[in-house]
Amino acid sequence: MLFSATFASGQGRYAKGDVLLNAGLGLGYYYASGVPLLLSGEFAVNDVISVGPYLGFTSYNRNWGGGTTWKYTFLDIGVRGSYHFSELFEIRNEQVDVYGGLSLGYLISNYSGDPVFGGYDPYPDVFRLGIHAGARYFFSDKVAGYGELGYGVAPLALGLTFKL
């Protein structure tokens, strides 16, 4: 079995059947401005592959002066899959999980405010393909901090992971 070393409680860093919940903030947003709020879930299909849903919410407000305002909200929804490289890279520290993967999602954009560009919406709803690489460090058997670089919702994401 991969990841055979264990924490004191007998639970390894990542194993088949684990369910992880990630909650974080995006630093930057690829589609517009704003700070994305990020949620994702991971179900460990085996000891190295996880799949699950993701959700991102971003709000972007702009006041141009003279009463001209824009307000956009963006909802990113989709699925993502990750490969966990710690065993392949021979990382023996059970508190560290290194991973990377792909995502497929749909962006829903909503605008309110003054007409933009004569009614033209520069942010239409679109399908998006993304890629991510990340690492998490488990502070305990159930809680980790994570960081991800990628293309999709945000160029950098930081947050917490909870093992359910």
N, C-alpha and C. Protein backbone atom coordinates (compact mmCIF):
# COMPACT_ATOMS: atom_id res chain seq x y z
N MET A 1 0.85 -1.18 0.00
CA MET A 1 0.00 0.00 0.00
C MET A 1 0.89 1.24 0.00
N LEU A 2 0.58 2.21 -0.83
CA LEU A 2 1.31 3.47 -0.84
C LEU A 2 1.06 4.22 0.46
N PHE A 3 1.99 5.06 0.85
CA PHE A 3 1.85 5.90 2.03
C PHE A 3 1.68 5.03 3.28
N SER A 4 2.56 4.05 3.47
CA SER A 4 2.39 3.10 4.55
C SER A 4 2.72 3.67 5.92
N ALA A 5 3.49 4.74 5.99
CA ALA A 5 3.77 5.34 7.30
C ALA A 5 2.49 5.98 7.83
N THR A 6 2.41 6.17 9.14
CA THR A 6 1.16 6.67 9.73
C THR A 6 1.42 7.77 10.73
N PHE A 7 0.38 8.55 11.01
CA PHE A 7 0.40 9.48 12.13
C PHE A 7 0.21 8.67 13.40
N ALA A 8 0.30 9.33 14.53
CA ALA A 8 0.15 8.65 15.81
C ALA A 8 -1.20 7.93 15.91
N SER A 9 -2.24 8.47 15.28
CA SER A 9 -3.57 7.87 15.37
C SER A 9 -3.74 6.70 14.42
N GLY A 10 -2.74 6.44 13.55
CA GLY A 10 -2.84 5.33 12.62
C GLY A 10 -3.39 5.75 11.26
N GLN A 11 -3.63 7.02 11.02
CA GLN A 11 -4.19 7.48 9.75
C GLN A 11 -3.09 8.14 8.94
N GLY A 12 -2.83 7.67 7.71
CA GLY A 12 -1.83 8.27 6.84
C GLY A 12 -2.30 9.61 6.29
N ARG A 13 -1.41 10.30 5.55
CA ARG A 13 -1.73 11.63 5.05
C ARG A 13 -2.87 11.62 4.05
N TYR A 14 -2.96 10.55 3.27
CA TYR A 14 -3.95 10.50 2.20
C TYR A 14 -4.09 9.05 1.78
N ALA A 15 -5.30 8.52 1.79
CA ALA A 15 -5.50 7.11 1.45
C ALA A 15 -6.88 6.91 0.83
N LYS A 16 -7.03 5.82 0.10
CA LYS A 16 -8.30 5.48 -0.55
C LYS A 16 -9.46 5.60 0.44
N GLY A 17 -10.52 6.27 -0.02
CA GLY A 17 -11.70 6.46 0.81
C GLY A 17 -11.72 7.75 1.59
N ASP A 18 -10.60 8.45 1.70
CA ASP A 18 -10.59 9.72 2.42
C ASP A 18 -11.46 10.74 1.70
N VAL A 19 -12.08 11.61 2.49
CA VAL A 19 -12.86 12.73 1.95
C VAL A 19 -12.26 14.00 2.55
N LEU A 20 -11.86 14.92 1.67
CA LEU A 20 -11.26 16.18 2.10
C LEU A 20 -12.14 17.35 1.67
N LEU A 21 -12.23 18.35 2.51
CA LEU A 21 -12.94 19.59 2.20
C LEU A 21 -11.93 20.72 2.27
N ASN A 22 -11.78 21.47 1.17
CA ASN A 22 -10.85 22.60 1.09
C ASN A 22 -11.64 23.90 1.09
N ALA A 23 -11.20 24.86 1.89
CA ALA A 23 -11.82 26.19 1.92
C ALA A 23 -10.70 27.22 1.91
N GLY A 24 -10.80 28.18 0.98
CA GLY A 24 -9.73 29.15 0.90
C GLY A 24 -10.10 30.42 0.15
N LEU A 25 -9.07 31.24 -0.07
CA LEU A 25 -9.20 32.49 -0.81
C LEU A 25 -8.26 32.46 -1.99
N GLY A 26 -8.73 33.02 -3.10
CA GLY A 26 -7.87 33.18 -4.26
C GLY A 26 -7.19 34.54 -4.22
N LEU A 27 -5.94 34.56 -4.56
CA LEU A 27 -5.22 35.84 -4.65
C LEU A 27 -5.10 36.16 -6.13
N GLY A 28 -5.98 37.05 -6.57
CA GLY A 28 -6.13 37.33 -7.99
C GLY A 28 -7.29 36.52 -8.55
N TYR A 29 -7.81 36.99 -9.66
CA TYR A 29 -8.91 36.28 -10.34
C TYR A 29 -8.66 36.43 -11.83
N TYR A 30 -8.62 35.30 -12.54
CA TYR A 30 -8.27 35.35 -13.95
C TYR A 30 -9.28 36.07 -14.82
N TYR A 31 -10.53 36.05 -14.44
CA TYR A 31 -11.56 36.55 -15.34
C TYR A 31 -11.81 38.05 -15.20
N ALA A 32 -11.63 38.59 -13.99
CA ALA A 32 -11.88 40.02 -13.74
C ALA A 32 -11.11 40.40 -12.48
N SER A 33 -11.65 41.32 -11.71
CA SER A 33 -11.05 41.68 -10.43
C SER A 33 -11.81 40.98 -9.32
N GLY A 34 -11.33 41.14 -8.12
CA GLY A 34 -12.01 40.56 -6.97
C GLY A 34 -11.17 39.48 -6.31
N VAL A 35 -11.63 39.04 -5.15
CA VAL A 35 -10.98 37.99 -4.37
C VAL A 35 -11.93 36.79 -4.31
N PRO A 36 -11.61 35.71 -5.00
CA PRO A 36 -12.50 34.54 -4.99
C PRO A 36 -12.53 33.83 -3.64
N LEU A 37 -13.72 33.44 -3.23
CA LEU A 37 -13.91 32.52 -2.11
C LEU A 37 -13.99 31.13 -2.74
N LEU A 38 -13.21 30.19 -2.24
CA LEU A 38 -13.07 28.90 -2.89
C LEU A 38 -13.46 27.75 -1.96
N LEU A 39 -14.21 26.80 -2.50
CA LEU A 39 -14.56 25.56 -1.81
C LEU A 39 -14.35 24.42 -2.79
N SER A 40 -13.79 23.34 -2.30
CA SER A 40 -13.70 22.14 -3.13
C SER A 40 -13.72 20.91 -2.25
N GLY A 41 -14.12 19.82 -2.83
CA GLY A 41 -14.14 18.54 -2.12
C GLY A 41 -13.28 17.56 -2.89
N GLU A 42 -12.71 16.61 -2.18
CA GLU A 42 -11.91 15.57 -2.81
C GLU A 42 -12.31 14.22 -2.23
N PHE A 43 -12.56 13.28 -3.11
CA PHE A 43 -12.79 11.92 -2.70
C PHE A 43 -11.63 11.09 -3.23
N ALA A 44 -10.93 10.39 -2.33
CA ALA A 44 -9.76 9.58 -2.72
C ALA A 44 -10.23 8.29 -3.39
N VAL A 45 -10.11 8.25 -4.71
CA VAL A 45 -10.47 7.06 -5.48
C VAL A 45 -9.53 5.91 -5.13
N ASN A 46 -8.25 6.23 -4.97
CA ASN A 46 -7.23 5.29 -4.49
C ASN A 46 -6.20 6.12 -3.73
N ASP A 47 -5.03 5.55 -3.49
CA ASP A 47 -4.03 6.26 -2.68
C ASP A 47 -3.35 7.42 -3.41
N VAL A 48 -3.57 7.58 -4.71
CA VAL A 48 -2.90 8.66 -5.44
C VAL A 48 -3.82 9.53 -6.29
N ILE A 49 -5.08 9.16 -6.47
CA ILE A 49 -5.99 9.93 -7.33
C ILE A 49 -7.22 10.36 -6.53
N SER A 50 -7.56 11.64 -6.65
CA SER A 50 -8.77 12.17 -6.03
C SER A 50 -9.59 12.91 -7.07
N VAL A 51 -10.91 12.92 -6.87
CA VAL A 51 -11.84 13.66 -7.73
C VAL A 51 -12.87 14.33 -6.84
N GLY A 52 -13.45 15.41 -7.36
CA GLY A 52 -14.49 16.06 -6.59
C GLY A 52 -14.93 17.38 -7.20
N PRO A 53 -15.96 17.98 -6.60
CA PRO A 53 -16.50 19.25 -7.11
C PRO A 53 -15.71 20.45 -6.58
N TYR A 54 -15.85 21.57 -7.29
CA TYR A 54 -15.30 22.82 -6.77
C TYR A 54 -16.31 23.94 -7.02
N LEU A 55 -16.18 24.99 -6.22
CA LEU A 55 -17.06 26.15 -6.30
C LEU A 55 -16.22 27.38 -5.96
N GLY A 56 -16.36 28.41 -6.78
CA GLY A 56 -15.71 29.68 -6.51
C GLY A 56 -16.72 30.81 -6.63
N PHE A 57 -16.67 31.76 -5.73
CA PHE A 57 -17.55 32.93 -5.79
C PHE A 57 -16.70 34.18 -5.71
N THR A 58 -16.92 35.09 -6.67
CA THR A 58 -16.17 36.34 -6.72
C THR A 58 -17.14 37.48 -7.00
N SER A 59 -16.96 38.59 -6.31
CA SER A 59 -17.75 39.79 -6.55
C SER A 59 -16.79 40.92 -6.91
N TYR A 60 -17.18 41.70 -7.90
CA TYR A 60 -16.33 42.77 -8.42
C TYR A 60 -17.19 44.01 -8.57
N ASN A 61 -16.83 45.07 -7.84
CA ASN A 61 -17.57 46.33 -7.88
C ASN A 61 -16.65 47.42 -8.42
N ARG A 62 -17.24 48.30 -9.21
CA ARG A 62 -16.44 49.41 -9.75
C ARG A 62 -17.30 50.67 -9.76
N ASN A 63 -16.81 51.74 -9.16
CA ASN A 63 -17.48 53.03 -9.20
C ASN A 63 -16.63 53.95 -10.06
N TRP A 64 -17.16 54.34 -11.19
CA TRP A 64 -16.42 55.16 -12.14
C TRP A 64 -16.59 56.65 -11.87
N GLY A 65 -17.34 57.02 -10.85
CA GLY A 65 -17.58 58.43 -10.56
C GLY A 65 -18.76 58.94 -11.38
N GLY A 66 -19.34 60.02 -10.98
CA GLY A 66 -20.47 60.59 -11.69
C GLY A 66 -21.69 59.67 -11.69
N GLY A 67 -21.78 58.77 -10.72
CA GLY A 67 -22.93 57.89 -10.62
C GLY A 67 -22.85 56.63 -11.48
N THR A 68 -21.74 56.43 -12.18
CA THR A 68 -21.59 55.23 -13.00
C THR A 68 -20.97 54.11 -12.16
N THR A 69 -21.73 53.03 -11.99
CA THR A 69 -21.24 51.90 -11.20
C THR A 69 -21.47 50.59 -11.94
N TRP A 70 -20.61 49.64 -11.65
CA TRP A 70 -20.74 48.27 -12.17
C TRP A 70 -20.68 47.32 -10.98
N LYS A 71 -21.42 46.27 -11.05
CA LYS A 71 -21.29 45.19 -10.07
C LYS A 71 -21.42 43.86 -10.80
N TYR A 72 -20.36 43.09 -10.71
CA TYR A 72 -20.36 41.74 -11.28
C TYR A 72 -20.27 40.73 -10.16
N THR A 73 -20.94 39.62 -10.34
CA THR A 73 -20.73 38.45 -9.50
C THR A 73 -20.42 37.28 -10.43
N PHE A 74 -19.49 36.46 -10.00
CA PHE A 74 -19.07 35.30 -10.79
C PHE A 74 -19.19 34.05 -9.94
N LEU A 75 -19.79 33.03 -10.49
CA LEU A 75 -19.90 31.73 -9.83
C LEU A 75 -19.20 30.71 -10.72
N ASP A 76 -18.11 30.15 -10.22
CA ASP A 76 -17.36 29.11 -10.92
C ASP A 76 -17.75 27.77 -10.31
N ILE A 77 -18.26 26.85 -11.13
CA ILE A 77 -18.63 25.53 -10.64
C ILE A 77 -18.03 24.48 -11.57
N GLY A 78 -17.68 23.34 -11.01
CA GLY A 78 -17.11 22.30 -11.86
C GLY A 78 -16.60 21.12 -11.08
N VAL A 79 -15.80 20.32 -11.76
CA VAL A 79 -15.17 19.15 -11.16
C VAL A 79 -13.67 19.22 -11.39
N ARG A 80 -12.94 18.58 -10.51
CA ARG A 80 -11.49 18.54 -10.65
C ARG A 80 -10.96 17.19 -10.21
N GLY A 81 -9.83 16.86 -10.75
CA GLY A 81 -9.15 15.63 -10.38
C GLY A 81 -7.70 15.93 -10.10
N SER A 82 -7.11 15.19 -9.14
CA SER A 82 -5.72 15.43 -8.77
C SER A 82 -4.97 14.11 -8.66
N TYR A 83 -3.69 14.18 -8.97
CA TYR A 83 -2.77 13.08 -8.73
C TYR A 83 -1.86 13.51 -7.59
N HIS A 84 -1.71 12.65 -6.57
CA HIS A 84 -0.93 12.97 -5.38
C HIS A 84 0.45 12.35 -5.52
N PHE A 85 1.47 13.21 -5.64
CA PHE A 85 2.82 12.83 -6.03
C PHE A 85 3.76 12.45 -4.88
N SER A 86 3.33 12.53 -3.65
CA SER A 86 4.26 12.36 -2.53
C SER A 86 5.01 11.04 -2.57
N GLU A 87 4.35 9.94 -2.88
CA GLU A 87 5.04 8.65 -2.96
C GLU A 87 5.98 8.62 -4.16
N LEU A 88 5.52 9.10 -5.30
CA LEU A 88 6.35 9.13 -6.50
C LEU A 88 7.62 9.96 -6.28
N PHE A 89 7.49 11.08 -5.59
CA PHE A 89 8.63 11.95 -5.29
C PHE A 89 9.41 11.50 -4.06
N GLU A 90 8.97 10.40 -3.47
CA GLU A 90 9.60 9.82 -2.27
C GLU A 90 9.68 10.80 -1.10
N ILE A 91 8.57 11.51 -0.90
CA ILE A 91 8.46 12.42 0.25
C ILE A 91 8.03 11.57 1.43
N ARG A 92 8.89 11.43 2.41
CA ARG A 92 8.63 10.53 3.54
C ARG A 92 7.91 11.21 4.70
N ASN A 93 7.80 12.51 4.67
CA ASN A 93 7.10 13.23 5.72
C ASN A 93 5.61 13.04 5.51
N GLU A 94 4.97 12.30 6.42
CA GLU A 94 3.54 12.00 6.31
C GLU A 94 2.64 13.23 6.43
N GLN A 95 3.17 14.34 6.86
CA GLN A 95 2.37 15.55 7.00
C GLN A 95 2.28 16.34 5.69
N VAL A 96 3.03 15.94 4.68
CA VAL A 96 3.10 16.67 3.42
C VAL A 96 2.38 15.89 2.31
N ASP A 97 1.53 16.59 1.56
CA ASP A 97 0.84 16.03 0.40
C ASP A 97 1.08 16.97 -0.77
N VAL A 98 1.74 16.48 -1.82
CA VAL A 98 2.02 17.27 -3.02
C VAL A 98 1.14 16.71 -4.14
N TYR A 99 0.43 17.59 -4.86
CA TYR A 99 -0.53 17.12 -5.85
C TYR A 99 -0.62 18.08 -7.03
N GLY A 100 -1.22 17.62 -8.09
CA GLY A 100 -1.48 18.44 -9.26
C GLY A 100 -2.60 17.82 -10.06
N GLY A 101 -3.27 18.62 -10.90
CA GLY A 101 -4.38 18.06 -11.65
C GLY A 101 -5.04 19.03 -12.60
N LEU A 102 -6.21 18.59 -13.07
CA LEU A 102 -7.00 19.33 -14.05
C LEU A 102 -8.40 19.60 -13.52
N SER A 103 -9.03 20.62 -14.07
CA SER A 103 -10.43 20.91 -13.72
C SER A 103 -11.20 21.28 -14.98
N LEU A 104 -12.49 21.01 -14.93
CA LEU A 104 -13.42 21.41 -15.98
C LEU A 104 -14.60 22.06 -15.30
N GLY A 105 -14.90 23.30 -15.71
CA GLY A 105 -15.97 24.01 -15.03
C GLY A 105 -16.73 24.94 -15.93
N TYR A 106 -17.71 25.58 -15.32
CA TYR A 106 -18.55 26.54 -16.03
C TYR A 106 -18.60 27.80 -15.18
N LEU A 107 -18.43 28.93 -15.83
CA LEU A 107 -18.46 30.23 -15.17
C LEU A 107 -19.80 30.90 -15.47
N ILE A 108 -20.50 31.28 -14.41
CA ILE A 108 -21.77 32.01 -14.54
C ILE A 108 -21.50 33.43 -14.07
N SER A 109 -21.77 34.39 -14.95
CA SER A 109 -21.50 35.79 -14.68
C SER A 109 -22.83 36.55 -14.59
N ASN A 110 -22.92 37.48 -13.62
CA ASN A 110 -24.12 38.29 -13.47
C ASN A 110 -23.70 39.74 -13.31
N TYR A 111 -24.34 40.62 -14.05
CA TYR A 111 -24.01 42.04 -14.04
C TYR A 111 -25.21 42.85 -13.57
N SER A 112 -24.93 43.89 -12.76
CA SER A 112 -25.96 44.87 -12.44
C SER A 112 -25.29 46.24 -12.41
N GLY A 113 -26.04 47.25 -12.74
CA GLY A 113 -25.50 48.61 -12.75
C GLY A 113 -25.80 49.28 -14.06
N ASP A 114 -25.02 50.30 -14.37
CA ASP A 114 -25.19 51.06 -15.60
C ASP A 114 -24.87 50.19 -16.81
N PRO A 115 -25.50 50.47 -17.96
CA PRO A 115 -25.18 49.68 -19.15
C PRO A 115 -23.69 49.75 -19.47
N VAL A 116 -23.14 48.60 -19.76
CA VAL A 116 -21.71 48.49 -20.06
C VAL A 116 -21.52 48.46 -21.56
N PHE A 117 -20.67 49.33 -22.07
CA PHE A 117 -20.31 49.32 -23.49
C PHE A 117 -21.54 49.22 -24.40
N GLY A 118 -22.57 50.01 -24.10
CA GLY A 118 -23.77 50.00 -24.92
C GLY A 118 -24.54 48.69 -24.85
N GLY A 119 -24.50 48.01 -23.72
CA GLY A 119 -25.23 46.76 -23.55
C GLY A 119 -24.38 45.52 -23.76
N TYR A 120 -23.14 45.68 -24.23
CA TYR A 120 -22.26 44.54 -24.44
C TYR A 120 -21.74 44.04 -23.09
N ASP A 121 -21.84 42.75 -22.85
CA ASP A 121 -21.35 42.15 -21.61
C ASP A 121 -19.96 41.57 -21.87
N PRO A 122 -18.90 42.16 -21.30
CA PRO A 122 -17.55 41.65 -21.55
C PRO A 122 -17.25 40.34 -20.81
N TYR A 123 -18.17 39.89 -19.95
CA TYR A 123 -17.96 38.66 -19.18
C TYR A 123 -19.10 37.67 -19.41
N PRO A 124 -19.14 37.03 -20.55
CA PRO A 124 -20.22 36.05 -20.80
C PRO A 124 -19.97 34.76 -20.02
N ASP A 125 -21.02 33.96 -19.85
CA ASP A 125 -20.88 32.63 -19.25
C ASP A 125 -20.06 31.76 -20.20
N VAL A 126 -19.12 30.99 -19.64
CA VAL A 126 -18.24 30.18 -20.48
C VAL A 126 -17.84 28.89 -19.75
N PHE A 127 -17.48 27.88 -20.55
CA PHE A 127 -16.83 26.68 -20.02
C PHE A 127 -15.36 26.99 -19.85
N ARG A 128 -14.74 26.41 -18.81
CA ARG A 128 -13.32 26.66 -18.58
C ARG A 128 -12.60 25.37 -18.22
N LEU A 129 -11.40 25.25 -18.75
CA LEU A 129 -10.49 24.16 -18.41
C LEU A 129 -9.38 24.76 -17.56
N GLY A 130 -9.00 24.08 -16.49
CA GLY A 130 -7.97 24.60 -15.61
C GLY A 130 -6.93 23.56 -15.26
N ILE A 131 -5.85 24.03 -14.68
CA ILE A 131 -4.77 23.17 -14.22
C ILE A 131 -4.31 23.72 -12.87
N HIS A 132 -3.89 22.82 -11.98
CA HIS A 132 -3.43 23.27 -10.66
C HIS A 132 -2.29 22.38 -10.16
N ALA A 133 -1.44 22.97 -9.33
CA ALA A 133 -0.39 22.25 -8.62
C ALA A 133 -0.38 22.80 -7.21
N GLY A 134 -0.33 21.90 -6.23
CA GLY A 134 -0.42 22.37 -4.87
C GLY A 134 0.28 21.47 -3.88
N ALA A 135 0.29 21.95 -2.67
CA ALA A 135 0.83 21.18 -1.55
C ALA A 135 0.02 21.53 -0.31
N ARG A 136 -0.10 20.54 0.55
CA ARG A 136 -0.75 20.79 1.84
C ARG A 136 0.13 20.20 2.94
N TYR A 137 0.03 20.83 4.09
CA TYR A 137 0.77 20.39 5.26
C TYR A 137 -0.24 20.11 6.36
N PHE A 138 -0.27 18.86 6.84
CA PHE A 138 -1.21 18.47 7.89
C PHE A 138 -0.66 18.86 9.26
N PHE A 139 -1.38 19.75 9.94
CA PHE A 139 -1.04 20.16 11.30
C PHE A 139 -1.46 19.08 12.29
N SER A 140 -2.50 18.32 11.91
CA SER A 140 -3.01 17.21 12.72
C SER A 140 -3.56 16.18 11.75
N ASP A 141 -4.15 15.12 12.27
CA ASP A 141 -4.75 14.09 11.42
C ASP A 141 -5.89 14.64 10.57
N LYS A 142 -6.53 15.71 11.03
CA LYS A 142 -7.76 16.20 10.39
C LYS A 142 -7.67 17.59 9.77
N VAL A 143 -6.60 18.35 10.00
CA VAL A 143 -6.53 19.73 9.52
C VAL A 143 -5.18 19.99 8.85
N ALA A 144 -5.24 20.62 7.68
CA ALA A 144 -4.03 20.98 6.94
C ALA A 144 -4.18 22.38 6.37
N GLY A 145 -3.06 23.01 6.11
CA GLY A 145 -3.03 24.25 5.34
C GLY A 145 -2.62 23.90 3.92
N TYR A 146 -3.16 24.60 2.93
CA TYR A 146 -2.79 24.31 1.54
C TYR A 146 -2.50 25.57 0.76
N GLY A 147 -1.72 25.40 -0.30
CA GLY A 147 -1.45 26.45 -1.27
C GLY A 147 -1.45 25.84 -2.65
N GLU A 148 -2.03 26.54 -3.61
CA GLU A 148 -2.09 26.06 -5.00
C GLU A 148 -1.73 27.17 -5.97
N LEU A 149 -1.02 26.80 -7.00
CA LEU A 149 -0.79 27.66 -8.16
C LEU A 149 -1.58 27.04 -9.30
N GLY A 150 -2.11 27.88 -10.19
CA GLY A 150 -2.84 27.27 -11.28
C GLY A 150 -3.46 28.26 -12.23
N TYR A 151 -4.13 27.69 -13.19
CA TYR A 151 -4.92 28.46 -14.14
C TYR A 151 -6.33 27.91 -14.09
N GLY A 152 -7.28 28.75 -13.89
CA GLY A 152 -8.68 28.35 -13.76
C GLY A 152 -9.41 29.48 -13.08
N VAL A 153 -9.58 29.38 -11.76
CA VAL A 153 -10.26 30.42 -11.02
C VAL A 153 -9.27 31.49 -10.56
N ALA A 154 -8.20 31.08 -9.86
CA ALA A 154 -7.24 32.05 -9.31
C ALA A 154 -5.81 31.57 -9.56
N PRO A 155 -4.88 32.50 -9.77
CA PRO A 155 -3.49 32.09 -9.97
C PRO A 155 -2.85 31.53 -8.71
N LEU A 156 -3.31 31.97 -7.53
CA LEU A 156 -2.80 31.49 -6.26
C LEU A 156 -3.97 31.33 -5.30
N ALA A 157 -4.03 30.19 -4.63
CA ALA A 157 -5.07 29.94 -3.64
C ALA A 157 -4.40 29.49 -2.35
N LEU A 158 -4.90 30.00 -1.23
CA LEU A 158 -4.41 29.62 0.09
C LEU A 158 -5.60 29.31 0.97
N GLY A 159 -5.48 28.26 1.79
CA GLY A 159 -6.60 27.94 2.66
C GLY A 159 -6.33 26.76 3.55
N LEU A 160 -7.42 26.18 4.07
CA LEU A 160 -7.37 25.06 4.98
C LEU A 160 -8.05 23.84 4.36
N THR A 161 -7.56 22.67 4.71
CA THR A 161 -8.16 21.41 4.32
C THR A 161 -8.61 20.69 5.58
N PHE A 162 -9.82 20.12 5.53
CA PHE A 162 -10.37 19.35 6.65
C PHE A 162 -10.61 17.92 6.14
N LYS A 163 -10.02 16.96 6.84
CA LYS A 163 -10.25 15.55 6.50
C LYS A 163 -11.48 15.11 7.26
N LEU A 164 -12.53 14.71 6.55
CA LEU A 164 -13.79 14.34 7.20
C LEU A 164 -13.78 12.87 7.60
